[in-house]
Protein backbone atom coordinates (compact mmCIF):
# COMPACT_ATOMS: atom_id res chain seq x y z
CA MET A 1 -36.87 -4.03 4.93
CA VAL A 2 -35.18 -2.97 8.19
CA MET A 3 -31.60 -1.69 8.21
CA GLU A 4 -29.26 -0.85 11.08
CA GLU A 5 -27.01 2.13 11.79
CA GLY A 6 -25.51 2.67 15.22
CA GLY A 7 -28.10 0.53 16.95
CA GLN A 8 -31.01 2.45 15.41
CA THR A 9 -33.44 0.94 12.94
CA GLU A 10 -35.21 2.65 10.08
CA ARG A 11 -37.85 1.43 7.65
CA ARG A 12 -38.16 2.60 4.11
CA GLY A 13 -40.75 5.29 3.67
CA ASP A 14 -41.87 4.60 0.08
CA PRO A 15 -42.21 0.83 -0.38
CA LEU A 16 -44.52 1.03 -3.39
CA THR A 17 -42.10 3.12 -5.43
CA GLY A 18 -39.16 0.94 -4.42
CA GLY A 19 -40.98 -2.34 -5.13
CA ALA A 20 -42.16 -1.09 -8.52
CA ALA A 21 -38.63 -0.04 -9.42
CA ARG A 22 -37.24 -3.44 -8.44
CA ARG A 23 -39.85 -5.26 -10.52
CA GLN A 24 -39.24 -2.92 -13.44
CA ILE A 25 -35.50 -3.52 -13.66
CA LEU A 26 -35.95 -7.30 -13.28
CA VAL A 27 -38.55 -7.33 -16.06
CA GLU A 28 -36.27 -5.32 -18.33
CA LEU A 29 -33.42 -7.72 -17.56
CA ALA A 30 -35.60 -10.71 -18.45
CA ASP A 31 -36.55 -9.09 -21.76
CA GLN A 32 -32.89 -9.16 -22.83
CA ASN A 33 -33.00 -13.00 -23.12
CA LEU A 34 -29.57 -13.26 -21.52
CA ASP A 35 -30.40 -16.58 -19.86
CA GLY A 36 -29.88 -18.26 -23.22
CA ILE A 37 -26.11 -17.67 -23.02
CA CYS A 38 -24.46 -21.02 -22.35
CA LEU A 39 -21.33 -19.81 -20.56
CA SER A 40 -22.07 -18.64 -17.02
CA THR A 41 -19.22 -16.13 -16.92
CA TYR A 42 -20.44 -14.35 -20.06
CA ARG A 43 -24.04 -14.59 -18.87
CA THR A 44 -23.22 -12.94 -15.54
CA ALA A 45 -21.04 -10.25 -17.12
CA CYS A 46 -23.77 -9.39 -19.66
CA LYS A 47 -26.43 -9.12 -16.94
CA LEU A 48 -24.32 -6.88 -14.74
CA ARG A 49 -23.34 -4.78 -17.74
CA PHE A 50 -27.04 -4.27 -18.49
CA ILE A 51 -27.68 -3.21 -14.88
CA GLN A 52 -24.71 -0.85 -15.05
CA LYS A 53 -25.94 0.87 -18.21
CA ARG A 54 -29.61 0.89 -17.16
CA CYS A 55 -28.71 2.75 -13.94
CA ASN A 56 -26.24 5.05 -15.79
CA LEU A 57 -23.37 3.82 -13.61
CA HIS A 58 -21.10 3.42 -16.64
CA LEU A 59 -20.93 7.25 -16.75
CA ILE A 60 -19.55 7.47 -13.17
CA ASP A 61 -15.91 6.55 -12.54
CA ILE A 62 -14.21 5.50 -9.31
CA TYR A 63 -12.99 9.02 -8.57
CA ASN A 64 -16.55 10.34 -8.50
CA VAL A 65 -17.43 7.52 -6.11
CA ILE A 66 -14.55 8.42 -3.77
CA GLU A 67 -15.57 12.07 -3.69
CA ALA A 68 -19.21 11.22 -3.02
CA VAL A 69 -18.24 8.84 -0.21
CA ARG A 70 -16.10 11.51 1.39
CA ASP A 71 -18.79 14.17 1.03
CA ALA A 72 -21.22 11.79 2.74
CA GLY A 73 -18.78 11.32 5.64
CA LEU A 74 -18.48 7.55 5.14
CA ASN A 75 -14.68 7.61 4.90
CA ALA A 76 -14.49 8.25 8.65
CA VAL A 77 -16.89 5.39 9.50
CA GLU A 78 -15.84 1.83 10.29
CA LEU A 79 -16.22 -0.53 7.33
CA ASN A 80 -18.40 -2.97 9.29
CA ALA A 81 -20.74 -0.23 10.55
CA GLY A 82 -24.34 -0.35 9.41
CA ILE A 83 -25.82 2.33 7.18
CA SER A 84 -29.45 3.38 6.87
CA VAL A 85 -31.35 3.28 3.60
CA THR A 86 -31.93 7.04 3.81
CA ARG A 87 -28.20 7.70 3.97
CA LEU A 88 -27.64 5.29 1.09
CA GLU A 89 -30.24 7.12 -0.99
CA ASN A 90 -28.58 10.46 -0.23
CA LEU A 91 -25.20 9.07 -1.32
CA VAL A 92 -26.52 7.62 -4.59
CA SER A 93 -28.61 10.73 -5.25
CA SER A 94 -25.53 12.96 -4.93
CA LEU A 95 -23.69 10.76 -7.44
CA PHE A 96 -26.38 11.10 -10.10
CA ASN A 97 -27.07 14.77 -9.41
CA GLN A 98 -23.39 15.56 -9.96
CA LEU A 99 -23.44 13.39 -13.08
CA SER A 100 -26.38 15.30 -14.53
CA LYS A 101 -24.43 18.54 -14.09
CA ARG A 102 -21.38 17.15 -15.91
CA LEU A 103 -23.27 15.73 -18.88
CA PRO A 104 -24.04 17.94 -21.88
CA THR A 105 -27.59 19.13 -22.41
CA THR A 106 -27.89 16.87 -25.45
CA HIS A 107 -27.54 13.74 -23.27
CA PRO A 108 -29.69 14.31 -20.19
CA ILE A 109 -30.46 11.68 -17.57
CA LYS A 110 -33.11 11.34 -14.88
CA PRO A 111 -31.24 11.41 -11.55
CA ARG A 112 -34.28 10.45 -9.48
CA GLU A 113 -35.11 7.42 -11.62
CA SER A 114 -31.51 6.21 -11.65
CA THR A 115 -31.26 6.65 -7.89
CA VAL A 116 -34.38 4.59 -7.20
CA LEU A 117 -33.35 1.82 -9.59
CA PHE A 118 -29.84 1.48 -8.22
CA VAL A 119 -30.83 1.67 -4.55
CA GLU A 120 -33.39 -1.07 -5.13
CA PHE A 121 -30.78 -3.21 -6.87
CA ILE A 122 -28.37 -2.76 -3.95
CA LEU A 123 -31.09 -3.80 -1.51
CA ALA A 124 -31.93 -6.80 -3.69
CA ALA A 125 -28.24 -7.79 -3.69
CA ILE A 126 -28.11 -7.55 0.12
CA GLU A 127 -31.30 -9.58 0.48
CA SER A 128 -29.96 -12.29 -1.86
CA GLU A 129 -27.63 -13.53 0.90
CA PRO A 130 -29.10 -14.86 4.15
CA GLU A 131 -28.28 -13.01 7.36
CA SER A 132 -26.56 -10.18 5.50
CA ARG A 133 -26.95 -6.52 6.31
CA LEU A 134 -26.24 -3.20 4.64
CA THR A 135 -22.83 -1.93 5.78
CA VAL A 136 -20.41 0.76 4.68
CA PHE A 137 -18.07 -1.86 3.21
CA SER A 138 -20.86 -3.50 1.17
CA VAL A 139 -21.85 -0.12 -0.29
CA LYS A 140 -18.22 0.70 -1.18
CA ALA A 141 -17.68 -2.74 -2.71
CA ILE A 142 -20.83 -2.62 -4.88
CA LEU A 143 -20.15 0.94 -6.02
CA SER A 144 -16.51 0.20 -6.88
CA VAL A 145 -17.45 -2.89 -8.90
CA LEU A 146 -20.39 -1.45 -10.85
CA CYS A 147 -19.08 2.05 -11.56
CA GLY A 148 -17.31 2.92 -14.81
CA GLY A 149 -13.67 3.76 -15.37
CA LYS A 150 -10.54 1.66 -15.66
CA LEU A 151 -10.25 -1.70 -13.94
CA VAL A 152 -6.78 -0.92 -12.56
CA ASP A 153 -8.12 2.20 -10.82
CA LYS A 154 -10.93 0.17 -9.26
CA LEU A 155 -8.48 -2.45 -8.00
CA ARG A 156 -6.26 0.25 -6.52
CA TYR A 157 -9.23 1.59 -4.59
CA VAL A 158 -10.19 -1.92 -3.47
CA PHE A 159 -6.63 -2.47 -2.26
CA SER A 160 -6.81 0.73 -0.21
CA GLN A 161 -9.85 -0.73 1.54
CA VAL A 162 -8.40 -4.21 2.18
CA SER A 163 -4.92 -3.08 3.32
CA ASP A 164 -3.65 -1.75 6.62
CA SER A 165 -2.11 1.64 7.39
CA SER A 166 1.33 0.50 6.18
CA GLY A 167 0.04 -0.57 2.75
CA VAL A 168 0.06 -4.35 3.35
CA MET A 169 -2.94 -6.39 2.26
CA VAL A 170 -5.02 -8.09 4.98
CA LEU A 171 -6.32 -11.46 3.80
CA SER A 172 -9.42 -11.35 6.01
CA LYS A 173 -10.45 -8.02 4.48
CA LEU A 174 -9.99 -9.39 0.96
CA ASP A 175 -12.16 -12.36 1.94
CA HIS A 176 -14.79 -9.91 3.08
CA PHE A 177 -14.60 -8.01 -0.22
CA LEU A 178 -15.05 -11.16 -2.29
CA MET A 179 -18.12 -12.14 -0.29
CA GLU A 180 -19.59 -8.66 -0.79
CA ALA A 181 -18.78 -8.70 -4.53
CA LEU A 182 -20.47 -12.12 -4.94
CA LYS A 183 -23.76 -10.56 -3.87
CA LEU A 184 -23.97 -8.99 -7.34
CA PRO A 185 -24.16 -12.35 -9.20
CA SER A 186 -26.61 -13.49 -6.55
CA ALA A 187 -28.85 -10.52 -7.31
CA VAL A 188 -29.10 -11.63 -10.97
CA HIS A 189 -29.53 -15.32 -9.95
CA GLU A 190 -26.03 -16.45 -10.95
CA ARG A 191 -24.49 -17.25 -7.55
CA PRO A 192 -24.46 -21.08 -8.02
CA SER A 193 -22.06 -20.64 -10.94
CA PHE A 194 -19.34 -19.11 -8.75
CA GLY A 195 -18.30 -21.12 -5.76
CA TYR A 196 -16.39 -19.65 -2.86
CA THR A 197 -14.25 -21.31 -0.21
CA ASN A 198 -12.48 -19.86 2.80
CA ASN A 199 -9.00 -20.86 1.57
CA MET A 200 -9.45 -19.42 -1.92
CA VAL A 201 -7.63 -16.17 -1.15
CA ARG A 202 -4.85 -17.91 0.76
CA SER A 203 -4.22 -20.18 -2.22
CA CYS A 204 -3.83 -17.18 -4.56
CA PHE A 205 -1.39 -15.15 -2.47
CA PRO A 206 1.90 -16.39 -1.00
CA GLN A 207 1.77 -16.69 2.76
CA GLN A 208 5.42 -15.88 3.41
CA LYS A 209 5.41 -12.51 1.66
CA ARG A 210 3.90 -9.14 2.42
CA VAL A 211 1.43 -8.42 -0.37
CA MET A 212 1.81 -4.83 -1.52
CA LEU A 213 -0.06 -2.96 -4.26
CA ASN A 214 1.98 -4.10 -7.28
CA MET A 215 1.92 -7.76 -6.22
CA PHE A 216 -1.82 -7.48 -5.62
CA LEU A 217 -2.40 -6.12 -9.14
CA ASP A 218 -0.15 -8.80 -10.68
CA ILE A 219 -2.00 -11.64 -8.97
CA ILE A 220 -5.51 -10.25 -9.30
CA SER A 221 -5.02 -9.70 -13.05
CA ASP A 222 -5.67 -13.47 -13.23
CA PRO A 223 -8.58 -13.36 -10.76
CA PRO A 224 -9.85 -16.26 -8.65
CA PRO A 225 -12.75 -18.26 -10.14
CA CYS A 226 -15.36 -16.40 -8.11
CA LEU A 227 -14.33 -13.06 -9.67
CA VAL A 228 -13.69 -13.90 -13.34
CA TRP A 229 -16.81 -12.02 -14.42
CA LEU A 230 -15.36 -8.64 -13.32
CA PRO A 231 -12.58 -8.26 -15.96
CA LEU A 232 -14.93 -9.76 -18.57
CA MET A 233 -17.48 -7.04 -17.83
CA HIS A 234 -14.81 -4.43 -18.57
CA ARG A 235 -13.82 -6.19 -21.80
CA LEU A 236 -17.48 -6.20 -22.84
CA ALA A 237 -17.64 -2.46 -22.32
CA ASN A 238 -14.49 -1.93 -24.42
CA VAL A 239 -15.69 -3.94 -27.46
CA GLU A 240 -19.31 -2.81 -27.66
CA ASN A 241 -18.54 -0.59 -30.66
CA VAL A 242 -15.70 -2.62 -32.23
CA TYR A 243 -16.52 -3.70 -35.79
CA HIS A 244 -15.00 -6.73 -37.56
CA PRO A 245 -15.38 -6.68 -41.38
CA VAL A 246 -15.83 -10.47 -41.69
CA SER A 247 -18.95 -12.60 -41.88
CA CYS A 248 -20.04 -15.13 -39.29
CA SER A 249 -19.67 -18.74 -40.39
CA TYR A 250 -23.01 -19.69 -38.76
CA CYS A 251 -25.50 -16.82 -39.11
CA ARG A 252 -23.80 -15.42 -42.26
CA SER A 253 -24.13 -11.87 -40.98
CA ASN A 254 -22.16 -9.30 -42.95
CA GLY A 255 -19.76 -8.01 -40.29
CA MET A 256 -19.54 -8.50 -36.53
CA THR A 257 -19.80 -6.10 -33.61
CA GLY A 258 -18.26 -6.92 -30.26
CA PHE A 259 -16.15 -10.02 -29.75
CA ARG A 260 -15.01 -12.26 -32.62
CA TYR A 261 -14.17 -15.93 -32.07
CA ARG A 262 -11.86 -17.88 -34.36
CA CYS A 263 -11.51 -21.65 -34.30
CA LEU A 264 -7.95 -22.90 -33.89
CA ARG A 265 -8.71 -26.19 -35.69
CA CYS A 266 -11.10 -25.26 -38.50
CA ARG A 267 -9.39 -23.00 -41.01
CA GLY A 268 -11.28 -19.77 -41.65
CA TYR A 269 -14.11 -20.61 -39.25
CA GLN A 270 -15.21 -17.55 -37.25
CA LEU A 271 -18.26 -16.87 -35.10
CA CYS A 272 -19.85 -13.69 -33.84
CA GLN A 273 -20.32 -13.30 -30.10
CA ASN A 274 -24.04 -14.08 -30.21
CA CYS A 275 -23.54 -17.41 -31.98
CA PHE A 276 -20.60 -18.41 -29.80
CA TRP A 277 -22.36 -17.51 -26.56
CA HIS A 278 -25.42 -19.58 -27.52
CA GLY A 279 -23.36 -22.59 -28.63
CA ASN A 280 -24.22 -22.45 -32.32
CA ALA A 281 -22.01 -24.50 -34.65
CA ASN A 282 -22.26 -26.02 -38.13
CA GLY A 283 -20.25 -28.07 -40.59
CA SER A 284 -17.20 -29.87 -39.29
CA HIS A 285 -16.82 -27.44 -36.40
CA GLY A 286 -17.69 -28.89 -33.00
CA SER A 287 -18.48 -27.28 -29.68
CA GLN A 288 -15.36 -28.93 -28.20
CA HIS A 289 -13.01 -27.10 -30.55
CA GLN A 290 -10.80 -24.49 -28.96
CA MET A 291 -11.75 -20.92 -29.90
CA LYS A 292 -9.67 -17.76 -29.65
CA GLU A 293 -11.36 -14.52 -28.63
CA HIS A 294 -10.51 -11.34 -30.56
CA SER A 295 -11.43 -7.87 -29.32
CA SER A 296 -10.13 -5.95 -32.35
CA TRP A 297 -9.68 -6.34 -36.08
CA LYS A 298 -6.23 -6.46 -37.65
CA SER A 299 -5.75 -6.55 -41.39
CA PRO A 300 -3.53 -9.28 -42.93
CA ALA A 301 -0.88 -6.66 -43.71
CA THR A 302 -0.78 -5.57 -40.06
CA LYS A 303 -0.48 -9.18 -38.92
CA LEU A 304 2.38 -9.83 -41.35
CA GLY A 305 4.21 -6.70 -40.18
CA ARG A 306 3.86 -7.68 -36.53
CA ALA A 307 5.07 -11.21 -37.27
CA LEU A 308 8.13 -9.92 -39.10
CA GLY A 309 8.83 -7.46 -36.28
CA ARG A 310 8.74 -10.23 -33.68
CA THR A 311 10.93 -12.44 -35.85
CA LEU A 312 13.55 -9.73 -36.36
CA GLY A 313 13.42 -8.63 -32.73
CA CYS A 314 12.20 -5.14 -33.60
CA VAL A 315 9.13 -5.36 -31.39
CA SER A 316 9.50 -5.46 -27.63
CA SER A 317 7.80 -8.06 -25.50
CA ARG A 318 4.25 -7.64 -24.29
CA GLU A 319 3.72 -4.60 -22.10
CA PRO A 320 2.90 -5.15 -18.43
CA SER A 321 -0.78 -5.36 -17.58
CA HIS A 322 -0.54 -2.32 -15.31
CA PRO A 323 1.96 0.45 -14.53
CA VAL A 324 4.28 0.03 -11.57
CA TYR A 325 3.14 2.18 -8.66
CA PRO A 326 5.31 3.28 -5.73
CA GLU A 327 4.70 1.25 -2.60
CA GLU A 328 4.53 4.44 -0.54
CA PRO A 329 3.16 7.23 -2.77
CA GLU A 330 4.45 10.72 -2.13
CA ARG A 331 1.95 12.82 -0.27
CA THR A 332 1.10 16.33 -1.38
CA LEU A 333 2.76 19.17 0.50
CA ASN A 334 0.74 20.50 3.43
CA LEU A 335 2.06 23.87 4.60
CA ALA A 336 0.13 23.62 7.87
CA ASN A 337 2.38 20.73 8.91
CA ILE A 338 5.59 22.54 7.95
CA VAL A 339 5.05 26.17 8.97
CA PRO A 340 4.05 26.68 12.63
CA SER A 341 0.70 28.33 13.26
CA GLN A 342 2.33 30.62 15.88
CA PRO A 343 5.59 32.59 15.52
CA ILE A 344 8.62 30.83 16.89
CA ALA A 345 9.81 32.49 20.07
CA SER A 346 12.85 34.58 19.28
CA PRO A 347 14.86 37.14 21.29
CA SER A 348 13.59 40.69 21.29
CA PRO A 349 15.63 43.44 19.55
CA ALA A 350 16.58 44.90 22.95
CA MET A 351 18.02 41.59 24.07
CA LEU A 352 19.94 41.28 20.83
CA LEU A 353 21.45 44.75 21.17
CA SER A 354 22.42 44.22 24.79
CA SER A 355 24.10 40.90 24.15
CA SER A 356 27.79 40.52 23.57
CA ALA A 357 27.41 38.55 20.33
CA PRO A 358 29.11 39.79 17.15
CA GLU A 359 27.29 42.04 14.73
CA SER A 360 26.94 39.24 12.11
CA THR A 361 25.20 37.00 14.67
CA LYS A 362 22.82 39.81 15.64
CA SER A 363 21.95 40.41 11.99
CA SER A 364 21.30 36.71 11.42
CA LEU A 365 19.00 36.55 14.44
CA ALA A 366 17.09 39.61 13.29
CA THR A 367 16.70 38.11 9.82
CA ALA A 368 15.46 34.85 11.35
CA GLN A 369 12.92 36.76 13.43
CA ARG A 370 11.63 38.56 10.35
CA MET A 371 11.38 35.25 8.46
CA ASN A 372 9.47 33.65 11.32
CA GLU A 373 6.96 36.51 11.35
CA GLU A 374 6.36 36.20 7.61
CA HIS A 375 6.08 32.42 7.76
CA ALA A 376 3.65 32.74 10.66
CA LEU A 377 1.55 35.10 8.54
CA ILE A 378 1.50 32.57 5.70
CA ALA A 379 0.63 29.74 8.09
CA ALA A 380 -2.22 31.73 9.62
CA TYR A 381 -3.62 32.37 6.15
CA VAL A 382 -3.33 28.67 5.18
CA ASN A 383 -5.02 27.57 8.39
CA ARG A 384 -7.77 30.08 7.80
CA LEU A 385 -8.40 28.65 4.33
CA GLN A 386 -8.41 25.09 5.67
CA ARG A 387 -10.82 25.85 8.52
CA SER A 388 -13.36 27.80 6.52
CA PRO A 389 -12.66 27.49 2.79
CA ARG A 390 -16.22 28.38 1.80
CA SER A 391 -16.76 31.26 4.20
CA ILE A 392 -14.10 33.44 2.51
CA PRO A 393 -15.29 35.21 -0.66
CA ILE A 394 -13.44 34.04 -3.76
CA PRO A 395 -12.35 37.51 -4.97
CA SER A 396 -10.83 38.39 -1.59
CA ARG A 397 -8.96 35.07 -1.45
CA GLN A 398 -7.54 35.65 -4.91
CA ASP A 399 -6.48 39.20 -4.00
CA GLU A 400 -4.69 37.95 -0.91
CA GLU A 401 -2.90 35.28 -2.93
CA HIS A 402 -1.74 37.83 -5.49
CA LYS A 403 -0.60 40.18 -2.70
CA LEU A 404 1.40 37.35 -1.14
CA ILE A 405 3.14 36.59 -4.45
CA ALA A 406 3.80 40.28 -5.07
CA ARG A 407 5.26 40.65 -1.57
CA TYR A 408 7.82 37.90 -2.17
CA THR A 409 8.67 39.26 -5.61
CA SER A 410 9.25 42.79 -4.29
CA ARG A 411 11.30 41.41 -1.42
CA LEU A 412 13.58 39.59 -3.86
CA ALA A 413 13.95 42.76 -5.92
CA GLU A 414 14.87 44.83 -2.84
CA THR A 415 17.41 42.21 -1.73
CA GLU A 416 19.11 42.12 -5.13
CA SER A 417 19.15 45.92 -5.56
CA SER A 418 20.64 46.52 -2.11
CA GLY A 419 23.58 44.15 -2.61
CA VAL A 420 23.99 43.61 1.15
CA ILE A 421 25.22 40.04 0.78
CA PRO A 422 28.50 40.25 -1.15
CA THR A 423 28.93 36.50 -1.55
CA ARG A 424 25.99 36.07 -3.93
CA SER A 425 26.69 36.40 -7.64
CA ILE A 426 23.23 36.56 -9.19
CA ASN A 427 22.48 37.15 -12.80
CA PHE A 428 20.19 40.15 -12.29
CA ASP A 429 19.02 40.33 -15.89
CA VAL A 430 17.82 36.71 -15.99
CA ASN A 431 16.04 36.93 -12.64
CA LYS A 432 14.45 40.25 -13.59
CA GLN A 433 13.10 38.75 -16.80
CA LYS A 434 11.71 35.82 -14.85
CA ARG A 435 10.00 38.13 -12.38
CA GLU A 436 8.54 40.21 -15.19
CA LEU A 437 7.19 37.05 -16.79
CA ILE A 438 5.70 36.02 -13.44
CA ALA A 439 4.01 39.41 -13.15
CA GLN A 440 2.62 39.03 -16.67
CA LEU A 441 1.29 35.57 -15.83
CA GLU A 442 -0.35 36.91 -12.68
CA SER A 443 -1.97 39.73 -14.64
CA LYS A 444 -3.21 37.24 -17.23
CA ASN A 445 -4.53 35.04 -14.45
CA ARG A 446 -6.49 37.93 -12.97
CA GLU A 447 -7.96 38.70 -16.39
CA ILE A 448 -8.99 35.07 -16.85
CA LEU A 449 -10.62 35.01 -13.40
CA ALA A 450 -12.54 38.20 -14.18
CA GLU A 451 -13.66 36.76 -17.53
CA ILE A 452 -14.77 33.51 -15.86
CA LYS A 453 -16.72 35.50 -13.27
CA ARG A 454 -18.40 37.52 -16.00
CA LEU A 455 -19.27 34.39 -18.00
CA ARG A 456 -20.68 32.74 -14.91
CA SER A 457 -22.90 35.73 -14.21
CA GLU A 458 -24.12 35.67 -17.82
CA HIS A 459 -24.63 31.91 -17.55
CA ASP A 460 -26.70 32.36 -14.39
CA ALA A 461 -28.75 35.07 -16.08
CA VAL A 462 -29.37 32.79 -19.05
CA CYS A 463 -30.36 29.89 -16.80
CA GLN A 464 -32.98 31.96 -14.92
CA PRO A 465 -36.41 30.47 -15.60
CA SER A 466 -38.68 32.68 -17.70
CA PRO A 467 -42.02 33.69 -16.09
CA GLU A 468 -43.71 32.79 -19.36
CA LYS A 469 -41.98 29.41 -19.66
CA GLY A 470 -45.22 27.58 -20.29
CA SER A 471 -46.31 29.88 -23.11
CA THR A 472 -46.45 28.58 -26.66
CA ASN A 473 -45.68 31.96 -28.24
CA PRO A 474 -43.32 31.29 -31.22
CA THR A 475 -41.36 34.47 -30.46
CA LEU A 476 -40.67 33.35 -26.89
CA LEU A 477 -39.70 29.87 -28.06
CA ALA A 478 -37.23 31.36 -30.53
CA GLU A 479 -35.73 33.52 -27.78
CA LEU A 480 -35.38 30.45 -25.55
CA ARG A 481 -33.52 28.60 -28.28
CA LEU A 482 -31.17 31.55 -28.72
CA LEU A 483 -30.58 31.67 -24.98
CA ARG A 484 -29.74 27.95 -24.89
CA GLN A 485 -27.34 28.42 -27.79
CA ARG A 486 -25.72 31.35 -25.98
CA LYS A 487 -25.45 29.18 -22.85
CA ASP A 488 -23.55 26.47 -24.75
CA GLU A 489 -21.18 29.10 -26.20
CA LEU A 490 -20.52 30.51 -22.73
CA GLU A 491 -19.78 27.04 -21.35
CA GLN A 492 -17.30 26.41 -24.16
CA ARG A 493 -15.66 29.78 -23.49
CA MET A 494 -15.40 28.96 -19.76
CA SER A 495 -13.77 25.62 -20.57
CA SER A 496 -11.17 27.26 -22.82
CA LEU A 497 -10.42 29.92 -20.20
CA GLN A 498 -9.98 27.32 -17.48
CA GLU A 499 -7.61 25.37 -19.74
CA SER A 500 -5.58 28.55 -20.31
CA ARG A 501 -5.52 29.11 -16.56
CA ARG A 502 -4.14 25.62 -15.99
CA GLU A 503 -1.38 26.24 -18.55
CA LEU A 504 -0.49 29.50 -16.83
CA MET A 505 -0.32 27.70 -13.49
CA VAL A 506 2.12 25.15 -14.93
CA GLN A 507 4.32 27.91 -16.32
CA LEU A 508 4.20 29.85 -13.05
CA GLU A 509 5.17 26.84 -10.94
CA GLY A 510 7.97 26.01 -13.37
CA LEU A 511 9.37 29.51 -13.02
CA MET A 512 9.14 29.29 -9.23
CA LYS A 513 11.11 26.05 -9.29
CA LEU A 514 13.73 27.60 -11.58
CA LEU A 515 14.12 30.54 -9.19
CA LYS A 516 14.46 28.20 -6.23
CA ASP A 517 17.10 26.05 -7.97
CA GLU A 518 19.03 29.18 -9.03
CA GLU A 519 19.02 30.52 -5.48
CA GLN A 520 20.19 27.21 -4.02
CA ARG A 521 22.99 26.95 -6.60
CA GLN A 522 24.13 30.49 -5.94
CA ALA A 523 23.96 29.91 -2.18
CA ALA A 524 26.19 26.84 -2.62
CA GLN A 525 28.66 28.90 -4.66
CA ALA A 526 28.59 31.59 -2.00
CA ALA A 527 29.35 29.04 0.71
CA GLY A 528 32.24 27.68 -1.36
CA SER A 529 33.67 31.12 -1.90
CA ALA A 530 33.37 31.84 1.82
CA HIS A 531 35.47 28.75 2.59
CA ALA A 532 38.00 29.71 -0.08
CA PHE A 533 38.45 33.23 1.35
CA PRO A 534 38.09 32.99 5.13
CA SER A 535 39.67 36.38 5.72
CA ARG A 536 36.82 38.31 4.06
CA PRO A 537 36.09 41.41 6.12
CA SER A 538 32.92 41.36 8.18
CA PRO A 539 30.19 43.96 7.68
CA SER A 540 30.88 47.38 9.09
CA PRO A 541 30.15 47.47 12.81
CA GLY A 542 28.80 50.95 12.48
CA ARG A 543 25.71 49.65 10.67
CA SER A 544 22.81 49.03 13.03
CA VAL A 545 20.69 45.92 13.14
CA GLY A 546 17.52 47.81 12.39
CA THR A 547 18.85 49.06 9.04
CA ALA A 548 20.65 45.92 7.95
CA SER A 549 18.09 43.28 8.83
CA PRO A 550 15.42 44.23 6.24
CA GLN A 551 18.02 43.82 3.49
CA MET A 552 19.50 40.54 4.70
CA TYR A 553 18.75 37.38 2.73
CA SER A 554 19.57 33.79 3.63
CA PRO A 555 19.61 30.75 1.33
CA GLN A 556 16.87 29.13 3.41
CA ASP A 557 14.46 31.96 2.56
CA SER A 558 13.26 30.22 -0.59
CA LEU A 559 10.04 30.36 -2.54
CA ALA A 560 8.74 27.03 -1.23
CA GLY A 561 5.88 28.76 0.56
CA VAL A 562 4.98 30.67 -2.57
CA GLY A 563 4.97 27.48 -4.62
CA GLY A 564 2.67 25.81 -2.14
CA ASN A 565 0.21 28.72 -2.20
CA VAL A 566 0.35 28.94 -5.98
CA GLN A 567 -0.32 25.23 -6.19
CA GLU A 568 -3.23 25.59 -3.76
CA ALA A 569 -4.61 28.56 -5.72
CA PHE A 570 -4.87 26.43 -8.85
CA ALA A 571 -5.64 23.11 -7.15
CA GLN A 572 -9.29 23.29 -8.19
CA ASP A 573 -8.30 22.83 -11.85
CA ASP A 574 -5.68 20.15 -11.39
CA GLY A 575 -7.84 17.08 -11.99
CA ARG A 576 -5.38 14.28 -12.34
CA GLU A 577 -3.34 15.15 -9.19
CA GLU A 578 -6.58 15.12 -7.19
CA GLU A 579 -7.38 11.68 -8.59
CA GLU A 580 -4.00 10.30 -7.56
CA ARG A 581 -4.34 11.86 -4.13
CA LEU A 582 -7.77 10.25 -3.69
CA LEU A 583 -6.51 6.78 -4.57
CA ASN A 584 -3.17 6.99 -2.74
CA GLY A 585 -4.45 8.72 0.42
CA LYS A 586 -4.38 6.80 3.67
CA ASP A 587 -7.64 8.19 5.02
CA ARG A 588 -9.52 5.32 3.38
CA GLY A 589 -12.00 7.40 1.42
């Protein structure tokens, strides 16, 4: 098969392995006897669920897909651009290699086998449609549909791909996504069951309104006919291990697993999912009777309690199908965009001394110059981290972060002890206790980092392959088992230490925010007192600028920069914020 990328063509280098993998997965799919399911929607969902589990895609969520796409550089490529098979294999291989590292040793997978199977299935899906080609958008669409995770997260990612820069859905892009998603039923020979027309999307969404994210999720929760198999596939995954302690009215099996179907006309008539999907019926029950699908088991007492609650108004109405998301999500703070990379030009001390401005103005200008120099230092450090985050050794970066925090803390202590600004009424005891707690948290953080480093070194030493690995000596085998057990203990210890580090980060940021709010409140009180007593004497003119400026403190000199650096220092452990940033970012990852 020949694929395009930037006008260049490339042919697959291992056709025998790829062809054998494609035949293998199709044979395994045929052995499942899923073609006997009467309903096309269930048949398609079951086939795609089998492909998903066979390729281990149910263990990869949409956030892992976004990260892999960004690491491969596909987020900066046009959606309609072609992609070579080699680049596709590298992308899929990185997904499964990262998955094998996350999984415990008791549940290993074969990354190479999963990569070959899934790449061959993607190529089969592309070949199922005439005159179709492998593009970046087709790869993103197939990965987002077949990966694991929550359906609402998948739809949010799909919306980020079919919307413009202002967050408004583009109908032509959604049309394109539906056509790419329909290649999956085509790959399992189910395309004739799902028709598609050009006006299908336009009939689902109102033409006179701008479709934003929440409206998109509301409408797509009842998907168009060509996409009804997608939510069903997620429901299948959710009920695979659900047990119903009732017997099937047809096969008389003692208990059901999966879906349970209850007839709304025949009293007490219930079918398991296998009998219902194959159209089995007996007695007075007919295939035309309306059945209700149940995905969980509720005891009669629970049903009675819910009915009474609804009758008495004690139970609220049904919860919305998805949470309400902001139309324009708040972006994370980027200090490089706020603090200038170069110091702001300010008058020299000689110019300040020779000017005819009052002493208070000269002191304010000197303080502003000192603030600009410190902010420029912070900005240079942030830019250095952003340009070469991997070239800086981790211990040195951590030391610099701690030095930066200590510098701000000592500066606050010097400002409070000097008492240069008479208008501030600060509770010194409270702030001192907060600073001491911050210092304790920093010390604890350093200890945790040292412990993590030590555990990692021990983990690496344990993972070193033994030169006598192939030996069958019982003593060596016993030592290997002990080493593996020690490795698991070290991994658990590292996890607990990282969790403690995250908790410390939350406490540290909370204290920083409290300090900032306290300073702003006291600055506001100081401004009010200044208005109330306008005749307050100015600082002594005999004091020089050089001695007064290091002690001066302005309300604008807050700890916002410190909070940003603290947040960046712990950003590697903040999983959920990174997930939200990936889905809400406008760089179309």
